[in-house]
Amino acid sequence: MQVLSARQGLGAVLGHGRQPAPWVHLADAVGLVRFAMAHQTLQGPVNAMAPDAVTQATFAQALAASFGRRAWLRMPGLPLRSMLGEMSTLLLDGQNAVPCAALAHGYRFAHPQLNVALTDLAETQRPESALLTQNISQNRL
């Protein structure tokens, strides 16, 4: 939903915008699953998110910028809480999670920074398999 809004020039900061907004490029999401399956020493949860922690406001602005737009709208928290109930917690409170286990075991992100990941997604016309192949070869699975 945020992508469609940003693409149409209606990108918005949700709530106060200071909440953590974890994100991950598709290539790294799949790469992390494959990495976890291939490394038997990796135990417990593996957070599938990029190491570049950003706020929701930063994410909204970077997403809009990747389409040559601005995130000029603000969506106050109260209407979101009214419409979404408990689900609004995901958007308005965020979650400050870090991919510690993956990094500690040597996973190398293909797209560790938000701006680079969004630029790749915005200009990429390649099939997804090319992205996955690139990530897999970097992590030598």
C-alpha atoms as a PDB file:
ATOM      1  CA  MET A   1       0.000   0.000   0.000  1.00  0.00           C
ATOM      2  CA  GLN A   2       2.835   2.415   0.794  1.00  0.00           C
ATOM      3  CA  VAL A   3       4.449   1.701  -2.566  1.00  0.00           C
ATOM      4  CA  LEU A   4       1.283   2.516  -4.496  1.00  0.00           C
ATOM      5  CA  SER A   5       0.764   5.722  -2.500  1.00  0.00           C
ATOM      6  CA  ALA A   6       4.376   6.808  -2.954  1.00  0.00           C
ATOM      7  CA  ARG A   7       4.320   6.030  -6.681  1.00  0.00           C
ATOM      8  CA  GLN A   8       1.229   8.235  -7.093  1.00  0.00           C
ATOM      9  CA  GLY A   9       2.796  11.096  -5.142  1.00  0.00           C
ATOM     10  CA  LEU A  10       0.729  10.438  -2.020  1.00  0.00           C
ATOM     11  CA  GLY A  11       3.482   9.140   0.253  1.00  0.00           C
ATOM     12  CA  ALA A  12       2.788   9.786   3.914  1.00  0.00           C
ATOM     13  CA  VAL A  13       4.566   9.704   7.241  1.00  0.00           C
ATOM     14  CA  LEU A  14       2.544   7.572   9.640  1.00  0.00           C
ATOM     15  CA  GLY A  15       1.995   8.868  13.170  1.00  0.00           C
ATOM     16  CA  HIS A  16       4.933  10.856  14.540  1.00  0.00           C
ATOM     17  CA  GLY A  17       7.340   9.085  12.148  1.00  0.00           C
ATOM     18  CA  ARG A  18       9.999   8.351  14.785  1.00  0.00           C
ATOM     19  CA  GLN A  19       9.053   4.683  15.173  1.00  0.00           C
ATOM     20  CA  PRO A  20      11.511   2.083  13.822  1.00  0.00           C
ATOM     21  CA  ALA A  21      10.644   0.781  10.371  1.00  0.00           C
ATOM     22  CA  PRO A  22      12.487  -2.482   9.634  1.00  0.00           C
ATOM     23  CA  TRP A  23      12.763  -3.340   5.957  1.00  0.00           C
ATOM     24  CA  VAL A  24      14.494  -5.883   3.732  1.00  0.00           C
ATOM     25  CA  HIS A  25      15.054  -6.245  -0.007  1.00  0.00           C
ATOM     26  CA  LEU A  26      13.401  -9.314  -1.530  1.00  0.00           C
ATOM     27  CA  ALA A  27      16.761 -10.735  -2.578  1.00  0.00           C
ATOM     28  CA  ASP A  28      18.011 -10.548   0.994  1.00  0.00           C
ATOM     29  CA  ALA A  29      14.788 -11.966   2.465  1.00  0.00           C
ATOM     30  CA  VAL A  30      15.159 -15.069   0.315  1.00  0.00           C
ATOM     31  CA  GLY A  31      18.917 -15.062   0.817  1.00  0.00           C
ATOM     32  CA  LEU A  32      18.514 -15.034   4.599  1.00  0.00           C
ATOM     33  CA  VAL A  33      16.147 -18.010   4.523  1.00  0.00           C
ATOM     34  CA  ARG A  34      18.563 -19.964   2.337  1.00  0.00           C
ATOM     35  CA  PHE A  35      21.504 -18.904   4.498  1.00  0.00           C
ATOM     36  CA  ALA A  36      19.740 -20.072   7.687  1.00  0.00           C
ATOM     37  CA  MET A  37      18.895 -23.425   6.095  1.00  0.00           C
ATOM     38  CA  ALA A  38      22.488 -23.931   4.932  1.00  0.00           C
ATOM     39  CA  HIS A  39      24.150 -23.061   8.248  1.00  0.00           C
ATOM     40  CA  GLN A  40      23.285 -25.659  10.853  1.00  0.00           C
ATOM     41  CA  THR A  41      25.226 -23.788  13.534  1.00  0.00           C
ATOM     42  CA  LEU A  42      22.690 -20.997  13.268  1.00  0.00           C
ATOM     43  CA  GLN A  43      20.168 -21.645  16.050  1.00  0.00           C
ATOM     44  CA  GLY A  44      17.062 -19.717  17.098  1.00  0.00           C
ATOM     45  CA  PRO A  45      15.338 -16.868  15.310  1.00  0.00           C
ATOM     46  CA  VAL A  46      16.950 -15.026  12.419  1.00  0.00           C
ATOM     47  CA  ASN A  47      15.583 -11.546  11.896  1.00  0.00           C
ATOM     48  CA  ALA A  48      14.960 -11.072   8.179  1.00  0.00           C
ATOM     49  CA  MET A  49      15.615  -7.363   7.942  1.00  0.00           C
ATOM     50  CA  ALA A  50      18.383  -5.145   6.676  1.00  0.00           C
ATOM     51  CA  PRO A  51      21.027  -3.811   9.090  1.00  0.00           C
ATOM     52  CA  ASP A  52      20.261  -0.198   8.068  1.00  0.00           C
ATOM     53  CA  ALA A  53      17.764   0.795  10.779  1.00  0.00           C
ATOM     54  CA  VAL A  54      15.596   3.753   9.772  1.00  0.00           C
ATOM     55  CA  THR A  55      12.585   5.584  11.154  1.00  0.00           C
ATOM     56  CA  GLN A  56       9.191   5.417   9.488  1.00  0.00           C
ATOM     57  CA  ALA A  57       9.573   9.042   8.334  1.00  0.00           C
ATOM     58  CA  THR A  58      12.939   8.243   6.727  1.00  0.00           C
ATOM     59  CA  PHE A  59      11.457   5.149   5.076  1.00  0.00           C
ATOM     60  CA  ALA A  60       8.451   7.076   3.711  1.00  0.00           C
ATOM     61  CA  GLN A  61      10.662   9.853   2.347  1.00  0.00           C
ATOM     62  CA  ALA A  62      13.162   7.442   0.758  1.00  0.00           C
ATOM     63  CA  LEU A  63      10.368   5.363  -0.783  1.00  0.00           C
ATOM     64  CA  ALA A  64       8.741   8.452  -2.299  1.00  0.00           C
ATOM     65  CA  ALA A  65      12.125   9.724  -3.534  1.00  0.00           C
ATOM     66  CA  SER A  66      12.779   6.420  -5.316  1.00  0.00           C
ATOM     67  CA  PHE A  67       9.831   7.328  -7.558  1.00  0.00           C
ATOM     68  CA  GLY A  68      10.928  10.947  -7.914  1.00  0.00           C
ATOM     69  CA  ARG A  69       8.242  12.095  -5.488  1.00  0.00           C
ATOM     70  CA  ARG A  70       7.990  13.593  -1.997  1.00  0.00           C
ATOM     71  CA  ALA A  71       6.278  12.227   1.074  1.00  0.00           C
ATOM     72  CA  TRP A  72       4.406  15.399   1.893  1.00  0.00           C
ATOM     73  CA  LEU A  73       1.396  13.943   3.710  1.00  0.00           C
ATOM     74  CA  ARG A  74       1.077  12.986   7.377  1.00  0.00           C
ATOM     75  CA  MET A  75      -1.335  10.370   8.669  1.00  0.00           C
ATOM     76  CA  PRO A  76      -2.064  11.007  12.355  1.00  0.00           C
ATOM     77  CA  GLY A  77      -2.002   8.000  14.637  1.00  0.00           C
ATOM     78  CA  LEU A  78      -5.520   8.351  16.026  1.00  0.00           C
ATOM     79  CA  PRO A  79      -7.402   7.627  12.772  1.00  0.00           C
ATOM     80  CA  LEU A  80      -5.094   4.679  12.072  1.00  0.00           C
ATOM     81  CA  ARG A  81      -5.698   3.262  15.544  1.00  0.00           C
ATOM     82  CA  SER A  82      -9.460   3.703  15.054  1.00  0.00           C
ATOM     83  CA  MET A  83      -9.498   2.003  11.651  1.00  0.00           C
ATOM     84  CA  LEU A  84      -6.964  -0.754  12.281  1.00  0.00           C
ATOM     85  CA  GLY A  85      -7.290  -1.426  15.993  1.00  0.00           C
ATOM     86  CA  GLU A  86      -4.444  -3.546  17.372  1.00  0.00           C
ATOM     87  CA  MET A  87      -2.941  -3.958  13.899  1.00  0.00           C
ATOM     88  CA  SER A  88      -2.068  -0.252  13.967  1.00  0.00           C
ATOM     89  CA  THR A  89       0.642  -1.120  16.503  1.00  0.00           C
ATOM     90  CA  LEU A  90       2.760  -2.524  13.667  1.00  0.00           C
ATOM     91  CA  LEU A  91       2.639   0.799  11.839  1.00  0.00           C
ATOM     92  CA  LEU A  92       2.652   3.264  14.705  1.00  0.00           C
ATOM     93  CA  ASP A  93       4.939   1.658  17.281  1.00  0.00           C
ATOM     94  CA  GLY A  94       7.311  -0.205  14.979  1.00  0.00           C
ATOM     95  CA  GLN A  95       9.769  -2.839  16.073  1.00  0.00           C
ATOM     96  CA  ASN A  96      13.443  -2.200  16.684  1.00  0.00           C
ATOM     97  CA  ALA A  97      14.857  -5.531  15.531  1.00  0.00           C
ATOM     98  CA  VAL A  98      18.387  -6.112  14.220  1.00  0.00           C
ATOM     99  CA  PRO A  99      19.734  -9.024  12.130  1.00  0.00           C
ATOM    100  CA  CYS A 100      22.367  -9.890  14.779  1.00  0.00           C
ATOM    101  CA  ALA A 101      22.384 -13.671  14.210  1.00  0.00           C
ATOM    102  CA  ALA A 102      22.758 -13.376  10.436  1.00  0.00           C
ATOM    103  CA  LEU A 103      25.555 -10.816  10.702  1.00  0.00           C
ATOM    104  CA  ALA A 104      27.353 -12.789  13.418  1.00  0.00           C
ATOM    105  CA  HIS A 105      27.365 -15.872  11.173  1.00  0.00           C
ATOM    106  CA  GLY A 106      28.722 -13.979   8.164  1.00  0.00           C
ATOM    107  CA  TYR A 107      25.681 -13.193   6.028  1.00  0.00           C
ATOM    108  CA  ARG A 108      26.549 -10.444   3.547  1.00  0.00           C
ATOM    109  CA  PHE A 109      23.579  -8.359   2.521  1.00  0.00           C
ATOM    110  CA  ALA A 110      23.211  -7.650  -1.177  1.00  0.00           C
ATOM    111  CA  HIS A 111      21.268  -4.487  -0.296  1.00  0.00           C
ATOM    112  CA  PRO A 112      22.223  -3.333   3.225  1.00  0.00           C
ATOM    113  CA  GLN A 113      21.216   0.333   2.775  1.00  0.00           C
ATOM    114  CA  LEU A 114      17.690   1.582   2.158  1.00  0.00           C
ATOM    115  CA  ASN A 115      18.432   4.104  -0.591  1.00  0.00           C
ATOM    116  CA  VAL A 116      20.476   1.600  -2.583  1.00  0.00           C
ATOM    117  CA  ALA A 117      17.796  -1.091  -2.177  1.00  0.00           C
ATOM    118  CA  LEU A 118      14.988   1.230  -3.257  1.00  0.00           C
ATOM    119  CA  THR A 119      16.984   2.505  -6.214  1.00  0.00           C
ATOM    120  CA  ASP A 120      17.590  -1.086  -7.284  1.00  0.00           C
ATOM    121  CA  LEU A 121      13.906  -1.944  -7.016  1.00  0.00           C
ATOM    122  CA  ALA A 122      12.768   1.235  -8.781  1.00  0.00           C
ATOM    123  CA  GLU A 123      15.042   0.839 -11.794  1.00  0.00           C
ATOM    124  CA  THR A 124      15.208  -2.930 -11.995  1.00  0.00           C
ATOM    125  CA  GLN A 125      13.562  -4.517 -14.981  1.00  0.00           C
ATOM    126  CA  ARG A 126      15.339  -7.843 -14.481  1.00  0.00           C
ATOM    127  CA  PRO A 127      13.473 -10.961 -13.449  1.00  0.00           C
ATOM    128  CA  GLU A 128      13.594 -11.752  -9.722  1.00  0.00           C
ATOM    129  CA  SER A 129      15.688 -14.820 -10.411  1.00  0.00           C
ATOM    130  CA  ALA A 130      18.621 -12.622 -11.431  1.00  0.00           C
ATOM    131  CA  LEU A 131      18.464 -10.817  -8.093  1.00  0.00           C
ATOM    132  CA  LEU A 132      18.298 -14.072  -6.169  1.00  0.00           C
ATOM    133  CA  THR A 133      21.159 -15.603  -8.132  1.00  0.00           C
ATOM    134  CA  GLN A 134      23.283 -12.542  -7.422  1.00  0.00           C
ATOM    135  CA  ASN A 135      22.603 -12.751  -3.669  1.00  0.00           C
ATOM    136  CA  ILE A 136      23.149 -16.491  -3.480  1.00  0.00           C
ATOM    137  CA  SER A 137      26.497 -16.281  -5.239  1.00  0.00           C
ATOM    138  CA  GLN A 138      27.637 -13.518  -2.853  1.00  0.00           C
ATOM    139  CA  ASN A 139      26.833 -15.683   0.162  1.00  0.00           C
ATOM    140  CA  ARG A 140      28.304 -18.843  -1.405  1.00  0.00           C
ATOM    141  CA  LEU A 141      25.443 -21.135  -0.494  1.00  0.00           C
END
